[in-house]
C-alpha atoms as a PDB file:
ATOM      1  CA  MET A   1      49.264 -59.668-233.707  1.00  0.00           C
ATOM      2  CA  LYS A   2      51.021 -59.280-230.374  1.00  0.00           C
ATOM      3  CA  LEU A   3      51.594 -55.570-231.069  1.00  0.00           C
ATOM      4  CA  LEU A   4      47.932 -55.144-232.004  1.00  0.00           C
ATOM      5  CA  ALA A   5      46.876 -56.882-228.795  1.00  0.00           C
ATOM      6  CA  ASN A   6      49.085 -54.567-226.737  1.00  0.00           C
ATOM      7  CA  GLU A   7      47.615 -51.520-228.481  1.00  0.00           C
ATOM      8  CA  LEU A   8      44.088 -52.780-227.813  1.00  0.00           C
ATOM      9  CA  SER A   9      45.025 -53.449-224.196  1.00  0.00           C
ATOM     10  CA  MET A  10      46.353 -49.903-223.788  1.00  0.00           C
ATOM     11  CA  GLY A  11      43.267 -48.534-225.494  1.00  0.00           C
ATOM     12  CA  MET A  12      41.020 -50.420-223.099  1.00  0.00           C
ATOM     13  CA  LYS A  13      42.990 -49.051-220.144  1.00  0.00           C
ATOM     14  CA  PHE A  14      42.522 -45.461-221.315  1.00  0.00           C
ATOM     15  CA  LEU A  15      38.848 -46.133-222.018  1.00  0.00           C
ATOM     16  CA  LEU A  16      38.351 -47.530-218.520  1.00  0.00           C
ATOM     17  CA  LEU A  17      40.206 -44.592-216.978  1.00  0.00           C
ATOM     18  CA  GLY A  18      38.013 -42.195-218.934  1.00  0.00           C
ATOM     19  CA  LEU A  19      34.848 -43.949-217.805  1.00  0.00           C
ATOM     20  CA  LEU A  20      36.088 -43.930-214.208  1.00  0.00           C
ATOM     21  CA  PHE A  21      36.705 -40.181-214.448  1.00  0.00           C
ATOM     22  CA  LEU A  22      33.224 -39.557-215.852  1.00  0.00           C
ATOM     23  CA  VAL A  23      31.610 -41.630-213.105  1.00  0.00           C
ATOM     24  CA  THR A  24      33.595 -40.334-210.127  1.00  0.00           C
ATOM     25  CA  THR A  25      33.762 -36.624-211.015  1.00  0.00           C
ATOM     26  CA  PRO A  26      30.039 -35.950-210.343  1.00  0.00           C
ATOM     27  CA  MET A  27      30.338 -37.948-207.114  1.00  0.00           C
ATOM     28  CA  LEU A  28      33.265 -35.841-205.936  1.00  0.00           C
ATOM     29  CA  GLN A  29      31.465 -32.649-206.907  1.00  0.00           C
ATOM     30  CA  ALA A  30      28.376 -33.791-205.030  1.00  0.00           C
ATOM     31  CA  GLU A  31      30.374 -34.433-201.868  1.00  0.00           C
ATOM     32  CA  THR A  32      32.267 -31.117-201.832  1.00  0.00           C
ATOM     33  CA  PHE A  33      29.947 -28.156-201.421  1.00  0.00           C
ATOM     34  CA  MET A  34      30.855 -24.552-202.160  1.00  0.00           C
ATOM     35  CA  GLN A  35      27.558 -22.926-201.168  1.00  0.00           C
ATOM     36  CA  SER A  36      23.833 -23.396-200.464  1.00  0.00           C
ATOM     37  CA  ARG A  37      24.417 -25.984-197.732  1.00  0.00           C
ATOM     38  CA  PRO A  38      23.325 -25.720-194.062  1.00  0.00           C
ATOM     39  CA  VAL A  39      25.319 -24.746-190.992  1.00  0.00           C
ATOM     40  CA  TRP A  40      25.116 -27.163-188.062  1.00  0.00           C
ATOM     41  CA  PRO A  41      25.556 -25.767-184.537  1.00  0.00           C
ATOM     42  CA  ALA A  42      27.625 -28.037-182.315  1.00  0.00           C
ATOM     43  CA  PHE A  43      27.702 -28.507-178.557  1.00  0.00           C
ATOM     44  CA  GLU A  44      31.358 -29.155-177.699  1.00  0.00           C
ATOM     45  CA  GLY A  45      31.020 -29.763-173.956  1.00  0.00           C
ATOM     46  CA  TRP A  46      31.056 -27.914-170.643  1.00  0.00           C
ATOM     47  CA  HIS A  47      33.412 -26.954-167.847  1.00  0.00           C
ATOM     48  CA  PRO A  48      32.870 -25.742-164.263  1.00  0.00           C
ATOM     49  CA  ASN A  49      33.793 -22.243-163.063  1.00  0.00           C
ATOM     50  CA  PRO A  50      35.371 -21.409-159.674  1.00  0.00           C
ATOM     51  CA  ASP A  51      32.197 -19.587-158.549  1.00  0.00           C
ATOM     52  CA  GLY A  52      30.049 -22.704-158.985  1.00  0.00           C
ATOM     53  CA  THR A  53      28.545 -21.740-162.348  1.00  0.00           C
ATOM     54  CA  PHE A  54      29.189 -23.622-165.583  1.00  0.00           C
ATOM     55  CA  ASN A  55      30.133 -22.698-169.135  1.00  0.00           C
ATOM     56  CA  LEU A  56      28.567 -24.493-172.092  1.00  0.00           C
ATOM     57  CA  MET A  57      30.907 -24.544-175.104  1.00  0.00           C
ATOM     58  CA  PHE A  58      29.640 -24.282-178.682  1.00  0.00           C
ATOM     59  CA  GLY A  59      31.026 -24.386-182.207  1.00  0.00           C
ATOM     60  CA  TYR A  60      29.591 -25.263-185.598  1.00  0.00           C
ATOM     61  CA  MET A  61      30.043 -27.072-188.894  1.00  0.00           C
ATOM     62  CA  ASN A  62      29.425 -25.005-192.026  1.00  0.00           C
ATOM     63  CA  GLU A  63      29.056 -27.555-194.827  1.00  0.00           C
ATOM     64  CA  ASN A  64      30.125 -24.955-197.392  1.00  0.00           C
ATOM     65  CA  TRP A  65      33.719 -24.448-198.496  1.00  0.00           C
ATOM     66  CA  GLU A  66      33.133 -20.916-199.814  1.00  0.00           C
ATOM     67  CA  GLN A  67      29.856 -19.460-198.563  1.00  0.00           C
ATOM     68  CA  GLN A  68      30.208 -17.641-195.246  1.00  0.00           C
ATOM     69  CA  PRO A  69      26.617 -16.902-194.234  1.00  0.00           C
ATOM     70  CA  PHE A  70      25.625 -13.841-192.256  1.00  0.00           C
ATOM     71  CA  VAL A  71      22.734 -14.783-189.951  1.00  0.00           C
ATOM     72  CA  GLU A  72      21.576 -11.986-187.678  1.00  0.00           C
ATOM     73  CA  ILE A  73      20.302 -12.689-184.187  1.00  0.00           C
ATOM     74  CA  GLY A  74      16.592 -13.442-184.428  1.00  0.00           C
ATOM     75  CA  ASP A  75      14.322 -16.117-185.845  1.00  0.00           C
ATOM     76  CA  ASN A  76      17.183 -17.796-187.728  1.00  0.00           C
ATOM     77  CA  ASN A  77      19.864 -17.596-185.026  1.00  0.00           C
ATOM     78  CA  PHE A  78      18.743 -17.842-181.413  1.00  0.00           C
ATOM     79  CA  PHE A  79      19.024 -19.631-178.089  1.00  0.00           C
ATOM     80  CA  SER A  80      16.206 -20.994-175.968  1.00  0.00           C
ATOM     81  CA  PRO A  81      15.048 -20.954-173.261  1.00  0.00           C
ATOM     82  CA  GLY A  82      15.896 -17.459-172.068  1.00  0.00           C
ATOM     83  CA  GLU A  83      17.560 -14.670-174.005  1.00  0.00           C
ATOM     84  CA  PRO A  84      17.903 -15.456-177.728  1.00  0.00           C
ATOM     85  CA  ASP A  85      21.237 -13.605-177.820  1.00  0.00           C
ATOM     86  CA  GLN A  86      23.855 -15.525-175.841  1.00  0.00           C
ATOM     87  CA  GLY A  87      26.908 -14.084-177.558  1.00  0.00           C
ATOM     88  CA  GLN A  88      26.827 -16.400-180.572  1.00  0.00           C
ATOM     89  CA  PRO A  89      28.361 -15.312-183.894  1.00  0.00           C
ATOM     90  CA  THR A  90      26.400 -13.939-186.831  1.00  0.00           C
ATOM     91  CA  ASN A  91      29.251 -14.622-189.279  1.00  0.00           C
ATOM     92  CA  PHE A  92      30.011 -18.253-190.049  1.00  0.00           C
ATOM     93  CA  PHE A  93      33.345 -19.330-191.493  1.00  0.00           C
ATOM     94  CA  PRO A  94      33.600 -22.392-193.742  1.00  0.00           C
ATOM     95  CA  ARG A  95      33.771 -25.955-192.467  1.00  0.00           C
ATOM     96  CA  ARG A  96      34.423 -27.064-188.869  1.00  0.00           C
ATOM     97  CA  ASN A  97      34.859 -24.404-186.195  1.00  0.00           C
ATOM     98  CA  ARG A  98      35.344 -25.830-182.697  1.00  0.00           C
ATOM     99  CA  PHE A  99      35.035 -24.136-179.298  1.00  0.00           C
ATOM    100  CA  THR A 100      33.977 -20.836-180.867  1.00  0.00           C
ATOM    101  CA  PHE A 101      32.201 -19.352-177.837  1.00  0.00           C
ATOM    102  CA  GLU A 102      30.858 -20.173-174.377  1.00  0.00           C
ATOM    103  CA  VAL A 103      27.601 -19.493-172.561  1.00  0.00           C
ATOM    104  CA  SER A 104      27.513 -19.269-168.768  1.00  0.00           C
ATOM    105  CA  VAL A 105      24.676 -20.995-166.896  1.00  0.00           C
ATOM    106  CA  PRO A 106      23.923 -20.812-163.147  1.00  0.00           C
ATOM    107  CA  ALA A 107      25.025 -23.295-160.513  1.00  0.00           C
ATOM    108  CA  ASP A 108      21.503 -24.734-160.251  1.00  0.00           C
ATOM    109  CA  TRP A 109      21.207 -25.442-163.995  1.00  0.00           C
ATOM    110  CA  GLY A 110      20.716 -29.143-163.296  1.00  0.00           C
ATOM    111  CA  ASP A 111      19.517 -31.353-166.148  1.00  0.00           C
ATOM    112  CA  ARG A 112      18.054 -28.561-168.291  1.00  0.00           C
ATOM    113  CA  GLU A 113      19.118 -28.057-171.923  1.00  0.00           C
ATOM    114  CA  LEU A 114      20.160 -24.848-173.674  1.00  0.00           C
ATOM    115  CA  VAL A 115      19.281 -25.067-177.358  1.00  0.00           C
ATOM    116  CA  TRP A 116      21.009 -23.138-180.161  1.00  0.00           C
ATOM    117  CA  THR A 117      18.905 -22.991-183.334  1.00  0.00           C
ATOM    118  CA  LEU A 118      20.154 -21.952-186.772  1.00  0.00           C
ATOM    119  CA  ASN A 119      18.336 -21.718-190.084  1.00  0.00           C
ATOM    120  CA  VAL A 120      20.757 -21.358-192.991  1.00  0.00           C
ATOM    121  CA  ASN A 121      19.867 -21.895-196.641  1.00  0.00           C
ATOM    122  CA  GLY A 122      16.413 -23.085-195.636  1.00  0.00           C
ATOM    123  CA  VAL A 123      17.561 -25.858-193.289  1.00  0.00           C
ATOM    124  CA  GLU A 124      16.867 -25.608-189.552  1.00  0.00           C
ATOM    125  CA  THR A 125      19.448 -27.219-187.278  1.00  0.00           C
ATOM    126  CA  LYS A 126      19.880 -27.376-183.493  1.00  0.00           C
ATOM    127  CA  ALA A 127      22.506 -28.093-180.849  1.00  0.00           C
ATOM    128  CA  TYR A 128      21.592 -29.085-177.292  1.00  0.00           C
ATOM    129  CA  GLY A 129      23.817 -27.909-174.446  1.00  0.00           C
ATOM    130  CA  THR A 130      23.723 -30.043-171.314  1.00  0.00           C
ATOM    131  CA  LEU A 131      25.699 -30.752-168.147  1.00  0.00           C
ATOM    132  CA  LYS A 132      25.734 -34.501-168.683  1.00  0.00           C
ATOM    133  CA  PRO A 133      29.003 -35.921-167.263  1.00  0.00           C
ATOM    134  CA  ASP A 134      30.098 -37.396-170.603  1.00  0.00           C
ATOM    135  CA  TYR A 135      30.441 -33.865-172.006  1.00  0.00           C
ATOM    136  CA  LEU A 136      32.848 -32.574-169.336  1.00  0.00           C
ATOM    137  CA  VAL A 137      35.786 -30.855-171.077  1.00  0.00           C
ATOM    138  CA  ASP A 138      39.313 -30.135-169.846  1.00  0.00           C
ATOM    139  CA  ASN A 139      42.445 -28.833-171.559  1.00  0.00           C
ATOM    140  CA  MET A 140      43.414 -32.283-172.818  1.00  0.00           C
ATOM    141  CA  VAL A 141      40.033 -32.713-174.481  1.00  0.00           C
ATOM    142  CA  ILE A 142      40.338 -29.324-176.204  1.00  0.00           C
ATOM    143  CA  ALA A 143      43.861 -30.075-177.457  1.00  0.00           C
ATOM    144  CA  SER A 144      42.800 -33.496-178.688  1.00  0.00           C
ATOM    145  CA  GLU A 145      39.596 -32.335-180.383  1.00  0.00           C
ATOM    146  CA  THR A 146      41.310 -29.483-182.242  1.00  0.00           C
ATOM    147  CA  GLY A 147      44.099 -31.740-183.542  1.00  0.00           C
ATOM    148  CA  SER A 148      47.029 -30.707-181.347  1.00  0.00           C
ATOM    149  CA  LEU A 149      47.175 -34.236-179.925  1.00  0.00           C
ATOM    150  CA  GLY A 150      46.346 -37.627-181.336  1.00  0.00           C
ATOM    151  CA  ILE A 151      43.521 -39.798-180.039  1.00  0.00           C
ATOM    152  CA  GLY A 152      44.191 -40.782-176.428  1.00  0.00           C
ATOM    153  CA  VAL A 153      47.668 -39.219-176.519  1.00  0.00           C
ATOM    154  CA  SER A 154      49.217 -36.887-173.962  1.00  0.00           C
ATOM    155  CA  SER A 155      52.631 -36.064-172.550  1.00  0.00           C
ATOM    156  CA  PRO A 156      54.071 -34.173-169.573  1.00  0.00           C
ATOM    157  CA  GLU A 157      54.525 -31.216-171.940  1.00  0.00           C
ATOM    158  CA  SER A 158      50.923 -31.189-173.146  1.00  0.00           C
ATOM    159  CA  ARG A 159      49.552 -31.658-169.626  1.00  0.00           C
ATOM    160  CA  ALA A 160      51.640 -28.722-168.382  1.00  0.00           C
ATOM    161  CA  ASN A 161      50.433 -26.390-171.132  1.00  0.00           C
ATOM    162  CA  ILE A 162      48.308 -23.415-170.103  1.00  0.00           C
ATOM    163  CA  PRO A 163      46.409 -21.177-172.539  1.00  0.00           C
ATOM    164  CA  PRO A 164      48.090 -18.100-174.002  1.00  0.00           C
ATOM    165  CA  VAL A 165      46.890 -14.755-172.675  1.00  0.00           C
ATOM    166  CA  LEU A 166      45.989 -11.844-174.937  1.00  0.00           C
ATOM    167  CA  THR A 167      45.449  -8.256-173.843  1.00  0.00           C
ATOM    168  CA  ILE A 168      43.809  -5.877-176.306  1.00  0.00           C
ATOM    169  CA  GLN A 169      45.375  -2.439-176.121  1.00  0.00           C
ATOM    170  CA  GLY A 170      42.930   0.476-176.221  1.00  0.00           C
ATOM    171  CA  ASP A 171      39.176   0.882-175.916  1.00  0.00           C
ATOM    172  CA  GLU A 172      36.634  -1.928-176.199  1.00  0.00           C
ATOM    173  CA  VAL A 173      34.370   0.315-178.329  1.00  0.00           C
ATOM    174  CA  ARG A 174      35.857   2.286-181.217  1.00  0.00           C
ATOM    175  CA  THR A 175      34.859   4.308-184.257  1.00  0.00           C
ATOM    176  CA  ALA A 176      36.024   4.125-187.853  1.00  0.00           C
ATOM    177  CA  LYS A 177      35.233   5.587-191.272  1.00  0.00           C
ATOM    178  CA  VAL A 178      34.239   3.635-194.377  1.00  0.00           C
ATOM    179  CA  GLY A 179      37.427   2.958-196.314  1.00  0.00           C
ATOM    180  CA  GLY A 180      39.578   4.058-193.400  1.00  0.00           C
ATOM    181  CA  ALA A 181      41.892   1.821-191.412  1.00  0.00           C
ATOM    182  CA  ILE A 182      42.211   1.445-187.660  1.00  0.00           C
ATOM    183  CA  THR A 183      45.163  -0.126-185.894  1.00  0.00           C
ATOM    184  CA  LEU A 184      44.594  -3.070-183.578  1.00  0.00           C
ATOM    185  CA  VAL A 185      47.304  -3.880-181.052  1.00  0.00           C
ATOM    186  CA  VAL A 186      47.356  -7.005-178.912  1.00  0.00           C
ATOM    187  CA  GLN A 187      49.926  -8.127-176.379  1.00  0.00           C
ATOM    188  CA  LEU A 188      50.511 -11.888-176.393  1.00  0.00           C
ATOM    189  CA  GLU A 189      51.907 -13.881-173.489  1.00  0.00           C
ATOM    190  CA  ASP A 190      52.519 -17.618-173.585  1.00  0.00           C
ATOM    191  CA  ASP A 191      54.348 -20.296-171.623  1.00  0.00           C
ATOM    192  CA  GLY A 192      56.103 -21.670-174.716  1.00  0.00           C
ATOM    193  CA  LEU A 193      54.145 -24.934-174.599  1.00  0.00           C
ATOM    194  CA  PRO A 194      53.574 -27.010-176.577  1.00  0.00           C
ATOM    195  CA  ARG A 195      57.023 -26.471-178.046  1.00  0.00           C
ATOM    196  CA  THR A 196      56.960 -25.308-181.645  1.00  0.00           C
ATOM    197  CA  ARG A 197      58.773 -27.758-183.884  1.00  0.00           C
ATOM    198  CA  ILE A 198      58.505 -25.657-187.004  1.00  0.00           C
ATOM    199  CA  SER A 199      60.106 -22.330-187.900  1.00  0.00           C
ATOM    200  CA  SER A 200      58.619 -19.354-189.736  1.00  0.00           C
ATOM    201  CA  THR A 201      60.636 -20.277-192.854  1.00  0.00           C
ATOM    202  CA  ARG A 202      61.132 -23.537-194.746  1.00  0.00           C
ATOM    203  CA  SER A 203      63.570 -24.794-197.340  1.00  0.00           C
ATOM    204  CA  GLU A 204      62.377 -25.953-200.750  1.00  0.00           C
ATOM    205  CA  SER A 205      63.047 -29.579-199.822  1.00  0.00           C
ATOM    206  CA  ASP A 206      60.968 -29.209-196.640  1.00  0.00           C
ATOM    207  CA  LEU A 207      58.094 -27.781-198.673  1.00  0.00           C
ATOM    208  CA  LEU A 208      58.234 -30.668-201.140  1.00  0.00           C
ATOM    209  CA  ARG A 209      58.242 -33.223-198.332  1.00  0.00           C
ATOM    210  CA  GLY A 210      55.270 -31.486-196.741  1.00  0.00           C
ATOM    211  CA  MET A 211      53.303 -31.526-199.991  1.00  0.00           C
ATOM    212  CA  PHE A 212      53.575 -35.293-200.365  1.00  0.00           C
ATOM    213  CA  ARG A 213      53.550 -36.392-196.734  1.00  0.00           C
ATOM    214  CA  ALA A 214      50.727 -38.772-195.915  1.00  0.00           C
ATOM    215  CA  PRO A 215      48.385 -37.843-193.030  1.00  0.00           C
ATOM    216  CA  GLN A 216      49.885 -38.812-189.677  1.00  0.00           C
ATOM    217  CA  LYS A 217      46.657 -39.023-187.655  1.00  0.00           C
ATOM    218  CA  PRO A 218      43.195 -40.485-188.218  1.00  0.00           C
ATOM    219  CA  THR A 219      41.802 -37.219-186.827  1.00  0.00           C
ATOM    220  CA  VAL A 220      42.367 -33.640-187.961  1.00  0.00           C
ATOM    221  CA  ASN A 221      46.044 -32.702-187.609  1.00  0.00           C
ATOM    222  CA  LYS A 222      47.100 -29.273-186.317  1.00  0.00           C
ATOM    223  CA  ILE A 223      50.541 -27.669-186.238  1.00  0.00           C
ATOM    224  CA  ASN A 224      51.500 -26.561-182.735  1.00  0.00           C
ATOM    225  CA  ALA A 225      52.689 -22.955-182.894  1.00  0.00           C
ATOM    226  CA  LEU A 226      51.651 -19.646-181.353  1.00  0.00           C
ATOM    227  CA  TYR A 227      49.604 -17.319-183.542  1.00  0.00           C
ATOM    228  CA  MET A 228      47.000 -14.588-183.257  1.00  0.00           C
ATOM    229  CA  SER A 229      44.096 -13.987-185.633  1.00  0.00           C
ATOM    230  CA  TRP A 230      41.529 -11.182-186.002  1.00  0.00           C
ATOM    231  CA  ASN A 231      38.182 -11.958-187.660  1.00  0.00           C
ATOM    232  CA  VAL A 232      34.682 -10.527-188.024  1.00  0.00           C
ATOM    233  CA  TYR A 233      32.433 -12.109-185.401  1.00  0.00           C
ATOM    234  CA  ARG A 234      29.384  -9.932-186.042  1.00  0.00           C
ATOM    235  CA  GLY A 235      28.725  -7.462-188.846  1.00  0.00           C
ATOM    236  CA  GLU A 236      27.433  -7.744-192.390  1.00  0.00           C
ATOM    237  CA  GLY A 237      30.015  -5.687-194.274  1.00  0.00           C
ATOM    238  CA  GLY A 238      33.460  -6.716-195.404  1.00  0.00           C
ATOM    239  CA  VAL A 239      36.598  -6.037-193.364  1.00  0.00           C
ATOM    240  CA  THR A 240      40.142  -6.322-194.701  1.00  0.00           C
ATOM    241  CA  PHE A 241      42.922  -7.174-192.262  1.00  0.00           C
ATOM    242  CA  ASP A 242      46.569  -6.409-192.955  1.00  0.00           C
ATOM    243  CA  PRO A 243      48.578  -8.564-192.793  1.00  0.00           C
ATOM    244  CA  PRO A 244      46.220 -11.388-193.855  1.00  0.00           C
ATOM    245  CA  GLN A 245      45.206 -13.363-190.787  1.00  0.00           C
ATOM    246  CA  THR A 246      45.739 -17.041-190.073  1.00  0.00           C
ATOM    247  CA  LYS A 247      42.512 -18.984-190.486  1.00  0.00           C
ATOM    248  CA  VAL A 248      40.724 -20.079-187.330  1.00  0.00           C
ATOM    249  CA  TRP A 249      38.700 -22.736-189.148  1.00  0.00           C
ATOM    250  CA  GLU A 250      39.907 -26.184-190.093  1.00  0.00           C
ATOM    251  CA  ASP A 251      41.106 -25.603-193.633  1.00  0.00           C
ATOM    252  CA  THR A 252      43.093 -28.784-194.232  1.00  0.00           C
ATOM    253  CA  ARG A 253      44.174 -27.937-197.770  1.00  0.00           C
ATOM    254  CA  VAL A 254      47.933 -28.188-198.148  1.00  0.00           C
ATOM    255  CA  SER A 255      48.719 -24.550-198.938  1.00  0.00           C
ATOM    256  CA  ALA A 256      45.996 -22.926-196.822  1.00  0.00           C
ATOM    257  CA  ASN A 257      46.995 -20.172-194.400  1.00  0.00           C
ATOM    258  CA  SER A 258      45.801 -22.451-191.635  1.00  0.00           C
ATOM    259  CA  PRO A 259      47.529 -24.441-188.864  1.00  0.00           C
ATOM    260  CA  TRP A 260      45.557 -27.443-190.150  1.00  0.00           C
ATOM    261  CA  GLY A 261      47.306 -27.148-193.538  1.00  0.00           C
ATOM    262  CA  SER A 262      50.573 -29.076-193.769  1.00  0.00           C
ATOM    263  CA  LEU A 263      52.576 -26.215-195.349  1.00  0.00           C
ATOM    264  CA  TRP A 264      51.437 -23.509-192.918  1.00  0.00           C
ATOM    265  CA  LEU A 265      54.174 -21.355-191.412  1.00  0.00           C
ATOM    266  CA  PRO A 266      53.527 -19.627-188.072  1.00  0.00           C
ATOM    267  CA  PRO A 267      53.799 -15.833-188.135  1.00  0.00           C
ATOM    268  CA  GLU A 268      56.705 -14.266-186.315  1.00  0.00           C
ATOM    269  CA  ILE A 269      55.779 -12.855-182.898  1.00  0.00           C
ATOM    270  CA  PRO A 270      57.785  -9.765-181.800  1.00  0.00           C
ATOM    271  CA  ASP A 271      59.983 -10.214-178.739  1.00  0.00           C
ATOM    272  CA  ASP A 272      57.781  -7.853-176.715  1.00  0.00           C
ATOM    273  CA  GLY A 273      54.656  -9.791-177.712  1.00  0.00           C
ATOM    274  CA  MET A 274      52.994  -6.697-179.204  1.00  0.00           C
ATOM    275  CA  VAL A 275      51.262  -7.625-182.467  1.00  0.00           C
ATOM    276  CA  GLU A 276      49.811  -4.913-184.731  1.00  0.00           C
ATOM    277  CA  VAL A 277      47.129  -5.429-187.371  1.00  0.00           C
ATOM    278  CA  THR A 278      45.146  -2.880-189.379  1.00  0.00           C
ATOM    279  CA  ALA A 279      41.453  -3.298-190.194  1.00  0.00           C
ATOM    280  CA  THR A 280      39.727  -1.481-193.073  1.00  0.00           C
ATOM    281  CA  PHE A 281      35.920  -1.408-193.214  1.00  0.00           C
ATOM    282  CA  ASN A 282      34.086  -1.466-196.538  1.00  0.00           C
ATOM    283  CA  GLU A 283      30.571  -0.607-195.329  1.00  0.00           C
ATOM    284  CA  LEU A 284      28.655   1.283-192.667  1.00  0.00           C
ATOM    285  CA  GLY A 285      27.517  -0.597-189.609  1.00  0.00           C
ATOM    286  CA  THR A 286      28.395  -1.941-186.203  1.00  0.00           C
ATOM    287  CA  TYR A 287      30.957  -4.715-186.099  1.00  0.00           C
ATOM    288  CA  VAL A 288      32.204  -7.050-183.412  1.00  0.00           C
ATOM    289  CA  LEU A 289      35.784  -8.091-184.120  1.00  0.00           C
ATOM    290  CA  TRP A 290      37.069 -11.272-182.525  1.00  0.00           C
ATOM    291  CA  VAL A 291      40.720 -11.988-181.841  1.00  0.00           C
ATOM    292  CA  ARG A 292      41.997 -15.422-180.884  1.00  0.00           C
ATOM    293  CA  ALA A 293      45.434 -16.298-179.539  1.00  0.00           C
ATOM    294  CA  ASP A 294      46.222 -19.985-180.056  1.00  0.00           C
ATOM    295  CA  ASP A 295      49.329 -21.994-179.157  1.00  0.00           C
ATOM    296  CA  GLY A 296      48.190 -25.053-181.100  1.00  0.00           C
ATOM    297  CA  GLY A 297      46.597 -26.759-178.127  1.00  0.00           C
ATOM    298  CA  LEU A 298      44.760 -24.046-176.171  1.00  0.00           C
ATOM    299  CA  TYR A 299      43.443 -20.553-176.842  1.00  0.00           C
ATOM    300  CA  ASP A 300      42.286 -17.202-175.465  1.00  0.00           C
ATOM    301  CA  ASP A 301      39.683 -14.868-176.995  1.00  0.00           C
ATOM    302  CA  GLY A 302      38.996 -11.139-177.000  1.00  0.00           C
ATOM    303  CA  TYR A 303      36.454  -8.826-178.636  1.00  0.00           C
ATOM    304  CA  ILE A 304      35.997  -5.175-179.569  1.00  0.00           C
ATOM    305  CA  THR A 305      33.047  -3.291-181.080  1.00  0.00           C
ATOM    306  CA  VAL A 306      33.615  -0.865-183.961  1.00  0.00           C
ATOM    307  CA  ASN A 307      30.983   1.646-185.109  1.00  0.00           C
ATOM    308  CA  VAL A 308      31.654   2.546-188.746  1.00  0.00           C
ATOM    309  CA  SER A 309      30.278   5.758-190.274  1.00  0.00           C
ATOM    310  CA  GLU A 310      30.788   7.645-193.532  1.00  0.00           C
END
């Protein structure tokens, strides 16, 4: 009888586990979206410029994990008041993308709002840029918001950090052929802060520890290390970069090629700081390529335009 009771008890446990799986699986699927979800523009804050003007800083949250919408400048992607094109992207990477671009406004902007409107997958969303004091951003805010620092945490090292500097070698406007590759060369300069506490290689034991390490922060956690990444900022066709580029969006999955993934390894930077990447274009069109240099805490951006013909 005791054996029978134990068997029934085990059977009930498996039955309950099965029911739990059936109940929770649709919930998990409903909360993790691959496509067909909206993109939410985000106002990140503002900072003053030496000439008395101000820059409003924007990013976005793409609810999709896979779909990367292309939204051309126009009725579904515009700013108001003023010019609808304020340098915003037309290509939207998955999930959270912070401090993607900035819009300059004049010194007498006052209490006006600059509104970025998106309509993706049939859902209209807006972000409102303002010079309200609560939205003032400095380097510590950027480092904290992107995950380089914890909440309310700083150090002499982090406060001394200045952004890396990238210099694109060659022309700002270039030409390419469909299926042909062009070489992109960028010189990187950095102050070595924040200090990188991870190498470009890891032992098997380090990888195993990283796979099972519990999150260390209640906010998104980013590995501090210098890297550079090319991406398509505007342009509807596909572009292949070689070597594959580090993700600039917050992909927190363990093995993602992303500084927000716990097993990410920073790429090796040549001693002279000259980093070469090739880009191959799959379709005709005009593309804006965006390169970001990031030391974990702060960043620098650059852009080139490529006209692709047959």
